[in-house]
Amino acid sequence: MKKILYTKFQYIDELIAQLGEQKEFKRAIKRSNLYKFWNKVAGEKFSKYSKPYSMIKGNIMVIACKTPAVAQELLLYKAQLLTKLKPYVESLKMNVTDLKFDTKKWQED
C-alpha cells in the first residue's frame, strides 16, 4: 500500500482571502446582503409571502411570491419598492433597475 503524504496545507484564513479576491464571490456576498433588506423594503404585510430569489441580466431582481395575488399587489407597488430599495442598493454599490415577481420560484422554508 502506497503511503500518501499531505504536505501542501493551506490555512483557512488564506483560503478566505483567496475567495475574497474572486469577483463572483464578492458579487454573491453583495447580493446576499441586499436580500437581507427585503423585509424592511416589503414591509411586514408582504415579507411573509415574498422573498428575493435571484438577480438576472439587466440588474433585475427576481422576487419569489407565494401566490399570484401577492405578485399582483407587489407589481402595483413596484415604484415604491424600488424607491425604498434604492438606499440599500447604493450603499452596496450595486444597481437594481427593475423587479420581477414570480410565483413559480416560491419554495417553503
PDB file of N, CA and C in Angstrom:
ATOM      1  N   MET A   1       0.839  -1.176   0.000  1.00  0.00           N
ATOM      2  CA  MET A   1       0.000   0.000   0.000  1.00  0.00           C
ATOM      3  C   MET A   1       0.890   1.247   0.000  1.00  0.00           C
ATOM      4  N   LYS A   2       0.540   2.154  -0.882  1.00  0.00           N
ATOM      5  CA  LYS A   2       1.333   3.372  -1.035  1.00  0.00           C
ATOM      6  C   LYS A   2       0.934   4.377   0.032  1.00  0.00           C
ATOM      7  N   LYS A   3       1.942   4.972   0.644  1.00  0.00           N
ATOM      8  CA  LYS A   3       1.703   5.960   1.690  1.00  0.00           C
ATOM      9  C   LYS A   3       1.533   7.331   1.047  1.00  0.00           C
ATOM     10  N   ILE A   4       0.475   8.033   1.415  1.00  0.00           N
ATOM     11  CA  ILE A   4       0.199   9.357   0.854  1.00  0.00           C
ATOM     12  C   ILE A   4       0.660  10.406   1.849  1.00  0.00           C
ATOM     13  N   LEU A   5       1.455  11.328   1.375  1.00  0.00           N
ATOM     14  CA  LEU A   5       1.937  12.413   2.223  1.00  0.00           C
ATOM     15  C   LEU A   5       1.242  13.712   1.831  1.00  0.00           C
ATOM     16  N   TYR A   6       0.639  14.344   2.788  1.00  0.00           N
ATOM     17  CA  TYR A   6      -0.024  15.631   2.551  1.00  0.00           C
ATOM     18  C   TYR A   6       0.908  16.727   3.041  1.00  0.00           C
ATOM     19  N   THR A   7       1.443  17.487   2.105  1.00  0.00           N
ATOM     20  CA  THR A   7       2.418  18.498   2.507  1.00  0.00           C
ATOM     21  C   THR A   7       2.019  19.915   2.147  1.00  0.00           C
ATOM     22  N   LYS A   8       0.985  20.077   1.324  1.00  0.00           N
ATOM     23  CA  LYS A   8       0.617  21.426   0.895  1.00  0.00           C
ATOM     24  C   LYS A   8      -0.646  21.885   1.610  1.00  0.00           C
ATOM     25  N   PHE A   9      -0.550  22.031   2.902  1.00  0.00           N
ATOM     26  CA  PHE A   9      -1.688  22.507   3.677  1.00  0.00           C
ATOM     27  C   PHE A   9      -1.859  24.002   3.481  1.00  0.00           C
ATOM     28  N   GLN A  10      -3.098  24.438   3.520  1.00  0.00           N
ATOM     29  CA  GLN A  10      -3.387  25.859   3.443  1.00  0.00           C
ATOM     30  C   GLN A  10      -4.225  26.228   4.651  1.00  0.00           C
ATOM     31  N   TYR A  11      -3.896  27.342   5.255  1.00  0.00           N
ATOM     32  CA  TYR A  11      -4.672  27.807   6.396  1.00  0.00           C
ATOM     33  C   TYR A  11      -5.999  28.378   5.918  1.00  0.00           C
ATOM     34  N   ILE A  12      -6.987  28.298   6.783  1.00  0.00           N
ATOM     35  CA  ILE A  12      -8.330  28.757   6.435  1.00  0.00           C
ATOM     36  C   ILE A  12      -8.351  30.250   6.120  1.00  0.00           C
ATOM     37  N   ASP A  13      -7.563  31.047   6.818  1.00  0.00           N
ATOM     38  CA  ASP A  13      -7.537  32.483   6.535  1.00  0.00           C
ATOM     39  C   ASP A  13      -6.978  32.771   5.139  1.00  0.00           C
ATOM     40  N   GLU A  14      -6.068  31.936   4.670  1.00  0.00           N
ATOM     41  CA  GLU A  14      -5.555  32.091   3.313  1.00  0.00           C
ATOM     42  C   GLU A  14      -6.633  31.750   2.284  1.00  0.00           C
ATOM     43  N   LEU A  15      -7.397  30.698   2.565  1.00  0.00           N
ATOM     44  CA  LEU A  15      -8.490  30.318   1.666  1.00  0.00           C
ATOM     45  C   LEU A  15      -9.554  31.407   1.585  1.00  0.00           C
ATOM     46  N   ILE A  16      -9.897  31.968   2.726  1.00  0.00           N
ATOM     47  CA  ILE A  16     -10.904  33.038   2.756  1.00  0.00           C
ATOM     48  C   ILE A  16     -10.392  34.265   2.012  1.00  0.00           C
ATOM     49  N   ALA A  17      -9.120  34.568   2.178  1.00  0.00           N
ATOM     50  CA  ALA A  17      -8.537  35.713   1.463  1.00  0.00           C
ATOM     51  C   ALA A  17      -8.576  35.482  -0.046  1.00  0.00           C
ATOM     52  N   GLN A  18      -8.308  34.267  -0.476  1.00  0.00           N
ATOM     53  CA  GLN A  18      -8.369  33.952  -1.903  1.00  0.00           C
ATOM     54  C   GLN A  18      -9.792  34.062  -2.428  1.00  0.00           C
ATOM     55  N   LEU A  19     -10.748  33.580  -1.655  1.00  0.00           N
ATOM     56  CA  LEU A  19     -12.149  33.698  -2.067  1.00  0.00           C
ATOM     57  C   LEU A  19     -12.566  35.161  -2.163  1.00  0.00           C
ATOM     58  N   GLY A  20     -12.124  35.954  -1.199  1.00  0.00           N
ATOM     59  CA  GLY A  20     -12.470  37.368  -1.179  1.00  0.00           C
ATOM     60  C   GLY A  20     -11.972  38.138  -2.382  1.00  0.00           C
ATOM     61  N   GLU A  21     -10.963  37.626  -3.043  1.00  0.00           N
ATOM     62  CA  GLU A  21     -10.421  38.281  -4.228  1.00  0.00           C
ATOM     63  C   GLU A  21     -11.207  37.955  -5.490  1.00  0.00           C
ATOM     64  N   GLN A  22     -12.013  36.908  -5.450  1.00  0.00           N
ATOM     65  CA  GLN A  22     -12.749  36.492  -6.642  1.00  0.00           C
ATOM     66  C   GLN A  22     -13.972  37.380  -6.869  1.00  0.00           C
ATOM     67  N   LYS A  23     -14.139  37.816  -8.100  1.00  0.00           N
ATOM     68  CA  LYS A  23     -15.224  38.719  -8.484  1.00  0.00           C
ATOM     69  C   LYS A  23     -16.596  38.102  -8.218  1.00  0.00           C
ATOM     70  N   GLU A  24     -16.770  36.833  -8.556  1.00  0.00           N
ATOM     71  CA  GLU A  24     -18.060  36.164  -8.381  1.00  0.00           C
ATOM     72  C   GLU A  24     -18.430  36.056  -6.905  1.00  0.00           C
ATOM     73  N   PHE A  25     -17.448  35.793  -6.070  1.00  0.00           N
ATOM     74  CA  PHE A  25     -17.684  35.680  -4.634  1.00  0.00           C
ATOM     75  C   PHE A  25     -18.121  37.019  -4.051  1.00  0.00           C
ATOM     76  N   LYS A  26     -17.449  38.097  -4.460  1.00  0.00           N
ATOM     77  CA  LYS A  26     -17.817  39.437  -3.999  1.00  0.00           C
ATOM     78  C   LYS A  26     -19.250  39.774  -4.409  1.00  0.00           C
ATOM     79  N   ARG A  27     -19.609  39.441  -5.636  1.00  0.00           N
ATOM     80  CA  ARG A  27     -20.946  39.701  -6.149  1.00  0.00           C
ATOM     81  C   ARG A  27     -21.988  38.906  -5.340  1.00  0.00           C
ATOM     82  N   ALA A  28     -21.681  37.658  -5.036  1.00  0.00           N
ATOM     83  CA  ALA A  28     -22.610  36.818  -4.273  1.00  0.00           C
ATOM     84  C   ALA A  28     -22.815  37.365  -2.854  1.00  0.00           C
ATOM     85  N   ILE A  29     -21.775  37.856  -2.236  1.00  0.00           N
ATOM     86  CA  ILE A  29     -21.885  38.430  -0.886  1.00  0.00           C
ATOM     87  C   ILE A  29     -22.742  39.691  -0.924  1.00  0.00           C
ATOM     88  N   LYS A  30     -22.530  40.546  -1.917  1.00  0.00           N
ATOM     89  CA  LYS A  30     -23.327  41.771  -2.042  1.00  0.00           C
ATOM     90  C   LYS A  30     -24.801  41.439  -2.233  1.00  0.00           C
ATOM     91  N   ARG A  31     -25.086  40.478  -3.094  1.00  0.00           N
ATOM     92  CA  ARG A  31     -26.477  40.086  -3.331  1.00  0.00           C
ATOM     93  C   ARG A  31     -27.112  39.535  -2.065  1.00  0.00           C
ATOM     94  N   SER A  32     -26.378  38.711  -1.368  1.00  0.00           N
ATOM     95  CA  SER A  32     -26.895  38.137  -0.126  1.00  0.00           C
ATOM     96  C   SER A  32     -27.231  39.231   0.880  1.00  0.00           C
ATOM     97  N   ASN A  33     -26.354  40.208   0.983  1.00  0.00           N
ATOM     98  CA  ASN A  33     -26.609  41.325   1.895  1.00  0.00           C
ATOM     99  C   ASN A  33     -27.826  42.135   1.456  1.00  0.00           C
ATOM    100  N   LEU A  34     -27.970  42.345   0.164  1.00  0.00           N
ATOM    101  CA  LEU A  34     -29.121  43.082  -0.345  1.00  0.00           C
ATOM    102  C   LEU A  34     -30.414  42.332  -0.046  1.00  0.00           C
ATOM    103  N   TYR A  35     -30.414  41.026  -0.209  1.00  0.00           N
ATOM    104  CA  TYR A  35     -31.607  40.221   0.028  1.00  0.00           C
ATOM    105  C   TYR A  35     -32.079  40.316   1.484  1.00  0.00           C
ATOM    106  N   LYS A  36     -31.141  40.530   2.391  1.00  0.00           N
ATOM    107  CA  LYS A  36     -31.498  40.636   3.814  1.00  0.00           C
ATOM    108  C   LYS A  36     -32.360  41.861   4.101  1.00  0.00           C
ATOM    109  N   PHE A  37     -32.314  42.862   3.236  1.00  0.00           N
ATOM    110  CA  PHE A  37     -33.091  44.089   3.449  1.00  0.00           C
ATOM    111  C   PHE A  37     -34.508  43.995   2.899  1.00  0.00           C
ATOM    112  N   TRP A  38     -34.859  42.914   2.236  1.00  0.00           N
ATOM    113  CA  TRP A  38     -36.176  42.806   1.616  1.00  0.00           C
ATOM    114  C   TRP A  38     -37.306  42.959   2.632  1.00  0.00           C
ATOM    115  N   ASN A  39     -37.136  42.403   3.831  1.00  0.00           N
ATOM    116  CA  ASN A  39     -38.191  42.517   4.850  1.00  0.00           C
ATOM    117  C   ASN A  39     -38.490  43.971   5.187  1.00  0.00           C
ATOM    118  N   LYS A  40     -37.470  44.800   5.240  1.00  0.00           N
ATOM    119  CA  LYS A  40     -37.673  46.227   5.525  1.00  0.00           C
ATOM    120  C   LYS A  40     -38.328  46.927   4.340  1.00  0.00           C
ATOM    121  N   VAL A  41     -37.960  46.541   3.144  1.00  0.00           N
ATOM    122  CA  VAL A  41     -38.484  47.173   1.935  1.00  0.00           C
ATOM    123  C   VAL A  41     -39.938  46.774   1.708  1.00  0.00           C
ATOM    124  N   ALA A  42     -40.233  45.495   1.803  1.00  0.00           N
ATOM    125  CA  ALA A  42     -41.579  44.997   1.508  1.00  0.00           C
ATOM    126  C   ALA A  42     -42.554  45.265   2.643  1.00  0.00           C
ATOM    127  N   GLY A  43     -42.050  45.374   3.832  1.00  0.00           N
ATOM    128  CA  GLY A  43     -42.928  45.586   4.974  1.00  0.00           C
ATOM    129  C   GLY A  43     -43.442  44.266   5.526  1.00  0.00           C
ATOM    130  N   GLU A  44     -44.016  44.340   6.693  1.00  0.00           N
ATOM    131  CA  GLU A  44     -44.479  43.141   7.393  1.00  0.00           C
ATOM    132  C   GLU A  44     -45.546  42.392   6.603  1.00  0.00           C
ATOM    133  N   LYS A  45     -46.411  43.135   5.943  1.00  0.00           N
ATOM    134  CA  LYS A  45     -47.521  42.531   5.198  1.00  0.00           C
ATOM    135  C   LYS A  45     -47.032  41.590   4.091  1.00  0.00           C
ATOM    136  N   PHE A  46     -46.006  41.998   3.361  1.00  0.00           N
ATOM    137  CA  PHE A  46     -45.557  41.230   2.200  1.00  0.00           C
ATOM    138  C   PHE A  46     -44.331  40.369   2.457  1.00  0.00           C
ATOM    139  N   SER A  47     -43.590  40.641   3.511  1.00  0.00           N
ATOM    140  CA  SER A  47     -42.347  39.897   3.726  1.00  0.00           C
ATOM    141  C   SER A  47     -42.600  38.416   4.038  1.00  0.00           C
ATOM    142  N   LYS A  48     -43.781  38.091   4.534  1.00  0.00           N
ATOM    143  CA  LYS A  48     -44.113  36.692   4.812  1.00  0.00           C
ATOM    144  C   LYS A  48     -44.401  35.910   3.533  1.00  0.00           C
ATOM    145  N   TYR A  49     -44.849  36.611   2.502  1.00  0.00           N
ATOM    146  CA  TYR A  49     -45.320  35.952   1.294  1.00  0.00           C
ATOM    147  C   TYR A  49     -44.453  36.217   0.064  1.00  0.00           C
ATOM    148  N   SER A  50     -43.311  36.857   0.270  1.00  0.00           N
ATOM    149  CA  SER A  50     -42.388  37.129  -0.836  1.00  0.00           C
ATOM    150  C   SER A  50     -40.966  37.159  -0.308  1.00  0.00           C
ATOM    151  N   LYS A  51     -40.032  36.794  -1.190  1.00  0.00           N
ATOM    152  CA  LYS A  51     -38.617  36.845  -0.807  1.00  0.00           C
ATOM    153  C   LYS A  51     -37.760  36.931  -2.067  1.00  0.00           C
ATOM    154  N   PRO A  52     -36.619  37.585  -1.967  1.00  0.00           N
ATOM    155  CA  PRO A  52     -35.723  37.674  -3.122  1.00  0.00           C
ATOM    156  C   PRO A  52     -35.263  36.285  -3.545  1.00  0.00           C
ATOM    157  N   TYR A  53     -35.223  36.076  -4.843  1.00  0.00           N
ATOM    158  CA  TYR A  53     -34.833  34.771  -5.368  1.00  0.00           C
ATOM    159  C   TYR A  53     -33.487  34.840  -6.095  1.00  0.00           C
ATOM    160  N   SER A  54     -33.332  35.831  -6.965  1.00  0.00           N
ATOM    161  CA  SER A  54     -32.085  35.934  -7.727  1.00  0.00           C
ATOM    162  C   SER A  54     -32.005  37.288  -8.413  1.00  0.00           C
ATOM    163  N   MET A  55     -30.891  37.491  -9.078  1.00  0.00           N
ATOM    164  CA  MET A  55     -30.697  38.655  -9.944  1.00  0.00           C
ATOM    165  C   MET A  55     -30.491  38.111 -11.347  1.00  0.00           C
ATOM    166  N   ILE A  56     -31.130  38.754 -12.323  1.00  0.00           N
ATOM    167  CA  ILE A  56     -30.962  38.321 -13.704  1.00  0.00           C
ATOM    168  C   ILE A  56     -30.368  39.449 -14.526  1.00  0.00           C
ATOM    169  N   LYS A  57     -30.017  39.125 -15.738  1.00  0.00           N
ATOM    170  CA  LYS A  57     -29.378  40.068 -16.654  1.00  0.00           C
ATOM    171  C   LYS A  57     -30.160  41.383 -16.707  1.00  0.00           C
ATOM    172  N   GLY A  58     -29.445  42.460 -16.719  1.00  0.00           N
ATOM    173  CA  GLY A  58     -30.069  43.771 -16.765  1.00  0.00           C
ATOM    174  C   GLY A  58     -30.347  44.335 -15.380  1.00  0.00           C
ATOM    175  N   ASN A  59     -29.710  43.760 -14.352  1.00  0.00           N
ATOM    176  CA  ASN A  59     -29.869  44.215 -12.970  1.00  0.00           C
ATOM    177  C   ASN A  59     -31.321  44.144 -12.499  1.00  0.00           C
ATOM    178  N   ILE A  60     -31.984  43.064 -12.831  1.00  0.00           N
ATOM    179  CA  ILE A  60     -33.373  42.857 -12.432  1.00  0.00           C
ATOM    180  C   ILE A  60     -33.402  41.862 -11.275  1.00  0.00           C
ATOM    181  N   MET A  61     -34.042  42.264 -10.180  1.00  0.00           N
ATOM    182  CA  MET A  61     -34.162  41.389  -9.027  1.00  0.00           C
ATOM    183  C   MET A  61     -35.452  40.581  -9.147  1.00  0.00           C
ATOM    184  N   VAL A  62     -35.317  39.266  -9.060  1.00  0.00           N
ATOM    185  CA  VAL A  62     -36.468  38.379  -9.132  1.00  0.00           C
ATOM    186  C   VAL A  62     -36.954  38.116  -7.711  1.00  0.00           C
ATOM    187  N   ILE A  63     -38.241  38.350  -7.497  1.00  0.00           N
ATOM    188  CA  ILE A  63     -38.857  38.153  -6.193  1.00  0.00           C
ATOM    189  C   ILE A  63     -39.810  36.969  -6.290  1.00  0.00           C
ATOM    190  N   ALA A  64     -39.586  35.954  -5.459  1.00  0.00           N
ATOM    191  CA  ALA A  64     -40.484  34.802  -5.416  1.00  0.00           C
ATOM    192  C   ALA A  64     -41.697  35.178  -4.567  1.00  0.00           C
ATOM    193  N   CYS A  65     -42.883  34.898  -5.090  1.00  0.00           N
ATOM    194  CA  CYS A  65     -44.124  35.238  -4.396  1.00  0.00           C
ATOM    195  C   CYS A  65     -44.932  33.967  -4.153  1.00  0.00           C
ATOM    196  N   LYS A  66     -45.589  33.925  -2.998  1.00  0.00           N
ATOM    197  CA  LYS A  66     -46.343  32.732  -2.625  1.00  0.00           C
ATOM    198  C   LYS A  66     -47.575  32.522  -3.496  1.00  0.00           C
ATOM    199  N   THR A  67     -48.276  33.598  -3.819  1.00  0.00           N
ATOM    200  CA  THR A  67     -49.498  33.485  -4.617  1.00  0.00           C
ATOM    201  C   THR A  67     -49.507  34.541  -5.718  1.00  0.00           C
ATOM    202  N   PRO A  68     -50.302  34.322  -6.754  1.00  0.00           N
ATOM    203  CA  PRO A  68     -50.431  35.342  -7.805  1.00  0.00           C
ATOM    204  C   PRO A  68     -50.997  36.663  -7.272  1.00  0.00           C
ATOM    205  N   ALA A  69     -51.837  36.596  -6.258  1.00  0.00           N
ATOM    206  CA  ALA A  69     -52.392  37.821  -5.686  1.00  0.00           C
ATOM    207  C   ALA A  69     -51.296  38.677  -5.055  1.00  0.00           C
ATOM    208  N   VAL A  70     -50.364  38.036  -4.382  1.00  0.00           N
ATOM    209  CA  VAL A  70     -49.233  38.767  -3.786  1.00  0.00           C
ATOM    210  C   VAL A  70     -48.382  39.380  -4.891  1.00  0.00           C
ATOM    211  N   ALA A  71     -48.109  38.610  -5.927  1.00  0.00           N
ATOM    212  CA  ALA A  71     -47.312  39.120  -7.044  1.00  0.00           C
ATOM    213  C   ALA A  71     -47.984  40.321  -7.695  1.00  0.00           C
ATOM    214  N   GLN A  72     -49.293  40.244  -7.877  1.00  0.00           N
ATOM    215  CA  GLN A  72     -50.033  41.350  -8.494  1.00  0.00           C
ATOM    216  C   GLN A  72     -50.005  42.600  -7.623  1.00  0.00           C
ATOM    217  N   GLU A  73     -50.190  42.410  -6.328  1.00  0.00           N
ATOM    218  CA  GLU A  73     -50.181  43.572  -5.442  1.00  0.00           C
ATOM    219  C   GLU A  73     -48.792  44.201  -5.362  1.00  0.00           C
ATOM    220  N   LEU A  74     -47.764  43.372  -5.312  1.00  0.00           N
ATOM    221  CA  LEU A  74     -46.407  43.912  -5.311  1.00  0.00           C
ATOM    222  C   LEU A  74     -46.102  44.635  -6.615  1.00  0.00           C
ATOM    223  N   LEU A  75     -46.628  44.130  -7.705  1.00  0.00           N
ATOM    224  CA  LEU A  75     -46.446  44.786  -9.002  1.00  0.00           C
ATOM    225  C   LEU A  75     -47.023  46.202  -8.974  1.00  0.00           C
ATOM    226  N   LEU A  76     -48.152  46.367  -8.301  1.00  0.00           N
ATOM    227  CA  LEU A  76     -48.757  47.695  -8.190  1.00  0.00           C
ATOM    228  C   LEU A  76     -47.898  48.652  -7.365  1.00  0.00           C
ATOM    229  N   TYR A  77     -47.121  48.095  -6.435  1.00  0.00           N
ATOM    230  CA  TYR A  77     -46.258  48.904  -5.570  1.00  0.00           C
ATOM    231  C   TYR A  77     -44.808  48.938  -6.047  1.00  0.00           C
ATOM    232  N   LYS A  78     -44.545  48.492  -7.274  1.00  0.00           N
ATOM    233  CA  LYS A  78     -43.172  48.363  -7.748  1.00  0.00           C
ATOM    234  C   LYS A  78     -42.368  49.662  -7.633  1.00  0.00           C
ATOM    235  N   ALA A  79     -42.945  50.770  -8.029  1.00  0.00           N
ATOM    236  CA  ALA A  79     -42.218  52.049  -7.980  1.00  0.00           C
ATOM    237  C   ALA A  79     -41.823  52.404  -6.546  1.00  0.00           C
ATOM    238  N   GLN A  80     -42.741  52.204  -5.609  1.00  0.00           N
ATOM    239  CA  GLN A  80     -42.439  52.492  -4.208  1.00  0.00           C
ATOM    240  C   GLN A  80     -41.385  51.530  -3.659  1.00  0.00           C
ATOM    241  N   LEU A  81     -41.460  50.270  -4.065  1.00  0.00           N
ATOM    242  CA  LEU A  81     -40.474  49.289  -3.611  1.00  0.00           C
ATOM    243  C   LEU A  81     -39.076  49.634  -4.121  1.00  0.00           C
ATOM    244  N   LEU A  82     -38.986  50.041  -5.372  1.00  0.00           N
ATOM    245  CA  LEU A  82     -37.683  50.441  -5.924  1.00  0.00           C
ATOM    246  C   LEU A  82     -37.129  51.662  -5.205  1.00  0.00           C
ATOM    247  N   THR A  83     -38.004  52.586  -4.849  1.00  0.00           N
ATOM    248  CA  THR A  83     -37.581  53.779  -4.115  1.00  0.00           C
ATOM    249  C   THR A  83     -37.065  53.408  -2.724  1.00  0.00           C
ATOM    250  N   LYS A  84     -37.766  52.516  -2.041  1.00  0.00           N
ATOM    251  CA  LYS A  84     -37.331  52.059  -0.714  1.00  0.00           C
ATOM    252  C   LYS A  84     -36.039  51.252  -0.793  1.00  0.00           C
ATOM    253  N   LEU A  85     -35.857  50.524  -1.871  1.00  0.00           N
ATOM    254  CA  LEU A  85     -34.689  49.670  -2.040  1.00  0.00           C
ATOM    255  C   LEU A  85     -33.434  50.469  -2.409  1.00  0.00           C
ATOM    256  N   LYS A  86     -33.629  51.627  -3.002  1.00  0.00           N
ATOM    257  CA  LYS A  86     -32.525  52.430  -3.536  1.00  0.00           C
ATOM    258  C   LYS A  86     -31.398  52.716  -2.532  1.00  0.00           C
ATOM    259  N   PRO A  87     -31.691  53.161  -1.287  1.00  0.00           N
ATOM    260  CA  PRO A  87     -30.576  53.426  -0.354  1.00  0.00           C
ATOM    261  C   PRO A  87     -29.726  52.189  -0.051  1.00  0.00           C
ATOM    262  N   TYR A  88     -30.363  51.035   0.051  1.00  0.00           N
ATOM    263  CA  TYR A  88     -29.627  49.800   0.313  1.00  0.00           C
ATOM    264  C   TYR A  88     -28.766  49.412  -0.884  1.00  0.00           C
ATOM    265  N   VAL A  89     -29.321  49.569  -2.064  1.00  0.00           N
ATOM    266  CA  VAL A  89     -28.599  49.250  -3.296  1.00  0.00           C
ATOM    267  C   VAL A  89     -27.382  50.162  -3.441  1.00  0.00           C
ATOM    268  N   GLU A  90     -27.575  51.437  -3.191  1.00  0.00           N
ATOM    269  CA  GLU A  90     -26.474  52.394  -3.319  1.00  0.00           C
ATOM    270  C   GLU A  90     -25.391  52.153  -2.275  1.00  0.00           C
ATOM    271  N   SER A  91     -25.787  51.795  -1.054  1.00  0.00           N
ATOM    272  CA  SER A  91     -24.790  51.557  -0.012  1.00  0.00           C
ATOM    273  C   SER A  91     -23.915  50.340  -0.336  1.00  0.00           C
ATOM    274  N   LEU A  92     -24.469  49.392  -1.098  1.00  0.00           N
ATOM    275  CA  LEU A  92     -23.703  48.216  -1.506  1.00  0.00           C
ATOM    276  C   LEU A  92     -23.014  48.410  -2.860  1.00  0.00           C
ATOM    277  N   LYS A  93     -23.183  49.607  -3.424  1.00  0.00           N
ATOM    278  CA  LYS A  93     -22.592  49.944  -4.730  1.00  0.00           C
ATOM    279  C   LYS A  93     -23.054  48.958  -5.800  1.00  0.00           C
ATOM    280  N   MET A  94     -24.370  48.751  -5.813  1.00  0.00           N
ATOM    281  CA  MET A  94     -24.993  47.865  -6.793  1.00  0.00           C
ATOM    282  C   MET A  94     -25.966  48.679  -7.622  1.00  0.00           C
ATOM    283  N   ASN A  95     -26.622  48.007  -8.564  1.00  0.00           N
ATOM    284  CA  ASN A  95     -27.613  48.653  -9.400  1.00  0.00           C
ATOM    285  C   ASN A  95     -28.776  47.680  -9.613  1.00  0.00           C
ATOM    286  N   VAL A  96     -29.969  48.109  -9.233  1.00  0.00           N
ATOM    287  CA  VAL A  96     -31.180  47.334  -9.483  1.00  0.00           C
ATOM    288  C   VAL A  96     -32.107  48.230 -10.294  1.00  0.00           C
ATOM    289  N   THR A  97     -32.403  47.799 -11.510  1.00  0.00           N
ATOM    290  CA  THR A  97     -33.209  48.633 -12.402  1.00  0.00           C
ATOM    291  C   THR A  97     -34.685  48.261 -12.401  1.00  0.00           C
ATOM    292  N   ASP A  98     -34.990  47.020 -12.001  1.00  0.00           N
ATOM    293  CA  ASP A  98     -36.378  46.574 -12.066  1.00  0.00           C
ATOM    294  C   ASP A  98     -36.593  45.406 -11.107  1.00  0.00           C
ATOM    295  N   LEU A  99     -37.855  45.124 -10.840  1.00  0.00           N
ATOM    296  CA  LEU A  99     -38.241  43.979 -10.023  1.00  0.00           C
ATOM    297  C   LEU A  99     -39.157  43.093 -10.854  1.00  0.00           C
ATOM    298  N   LYS A 100     -38.945  41.796 -10.760  1.00  0.00           N
ATOM    299  CA  LYS A 100     -39.798  40.831 -11.451  1.00  0.00           C
ATOM    300  C   LYS A 100     -40.384  39.915 -10.381  1.00  0.00           C
ATOM    301  N   PHE A 101     -41.692  39.747 -10.391  1.00  0.00           N
ATOM    302  CA  PHE A 101     -42.376  38.947  -9.388  1.00  0.00           C
ATOM    303  C   PHE A 101     -42.791  37.620 -10.015  1.00  0.00           C
ATOM    304  N   ASP A 102     -42.382  36.513  -9.393  1.00  0.00           N
ATOM    305  CA  ASP A 102     -42.585  35.196  -9.983  1.00  0.00           C
ATOM    306  C   ASP A 102     -43.110  34.221  -8.941  1.00  0.00           C
ATOM    307  N   THR A 103     -44.285  33.661  -9.186  1.00  0.00           N
ATOM    308  CA  THR A 103     -44.857  32.696  -8.245  1.00  0.00           C
ATOM    309  C   THR A 103     -44.262  31.299  -8.425  1.00  0.00           C
ATOM    310  N   LYS A 104     -43.656  31.026  -9.559  1.00  0.00           N
ATOM    311  CA  LYS A 104     -43.088  29.706  -9.808  1.00  0.00           C
ATOM    312  C   LYS A 104     -41.824  29.451  -9.002  1.00  0.00           C
ATOM    313  N   LYS A 105     -41.187  30.489  -8.536  1.00  0.00           N
ATOM    314  CA  LYS A 105     -39.936  30.357  -7.808  1.00  0.00           C
ATOM    315  C   LYS A 105     -40.139  30.137  -6.300  1.00  0.00           C
ATOM    316  N   TRP A 106     -41.364  30.242  -5.831  1.00  0.00           N
ATOM    317  CA  TRP A 106     -41.633  30.164  -4.392  1.00  0.00           C
ATOM    318  C   TRP A 106     -41.356  28.758  -3.861  1.00  0.00           C
ATOM    319  N   GLN A 107     -40.653  28.700  -2.746  1.00  0.00           N
ATOM    320  CA  GLN A 107     -40.396  27.447  -2.038  1.00  0.00           C
ATOM    321  C   GLN A 107     -40.574  27.706  -0.559  1.00  0.00           C
ATOM    322  N   GLU A 108     -41.289  26.820   0.093  1.00  0.00           N
ATOM    323  CA  GLU A 108     -41.461  26.934   1.555  1.00  0.00           C
ATOM    324  C   GLU A 108     -40.157  26.614   2.236  1.00  0.00           C
ATOM    325  N   ASP A 109     -39.861  27.316   3.306  1.00  0.00           N
ATOM    326  CA  ASP A 109     -38.621  27.058   4.071  1.00  0.00           C
ATOM    327  C   ASP A 109     -38.751  25.818   4.900  1.00  0.00           C
TER     328      ASP A 109
END
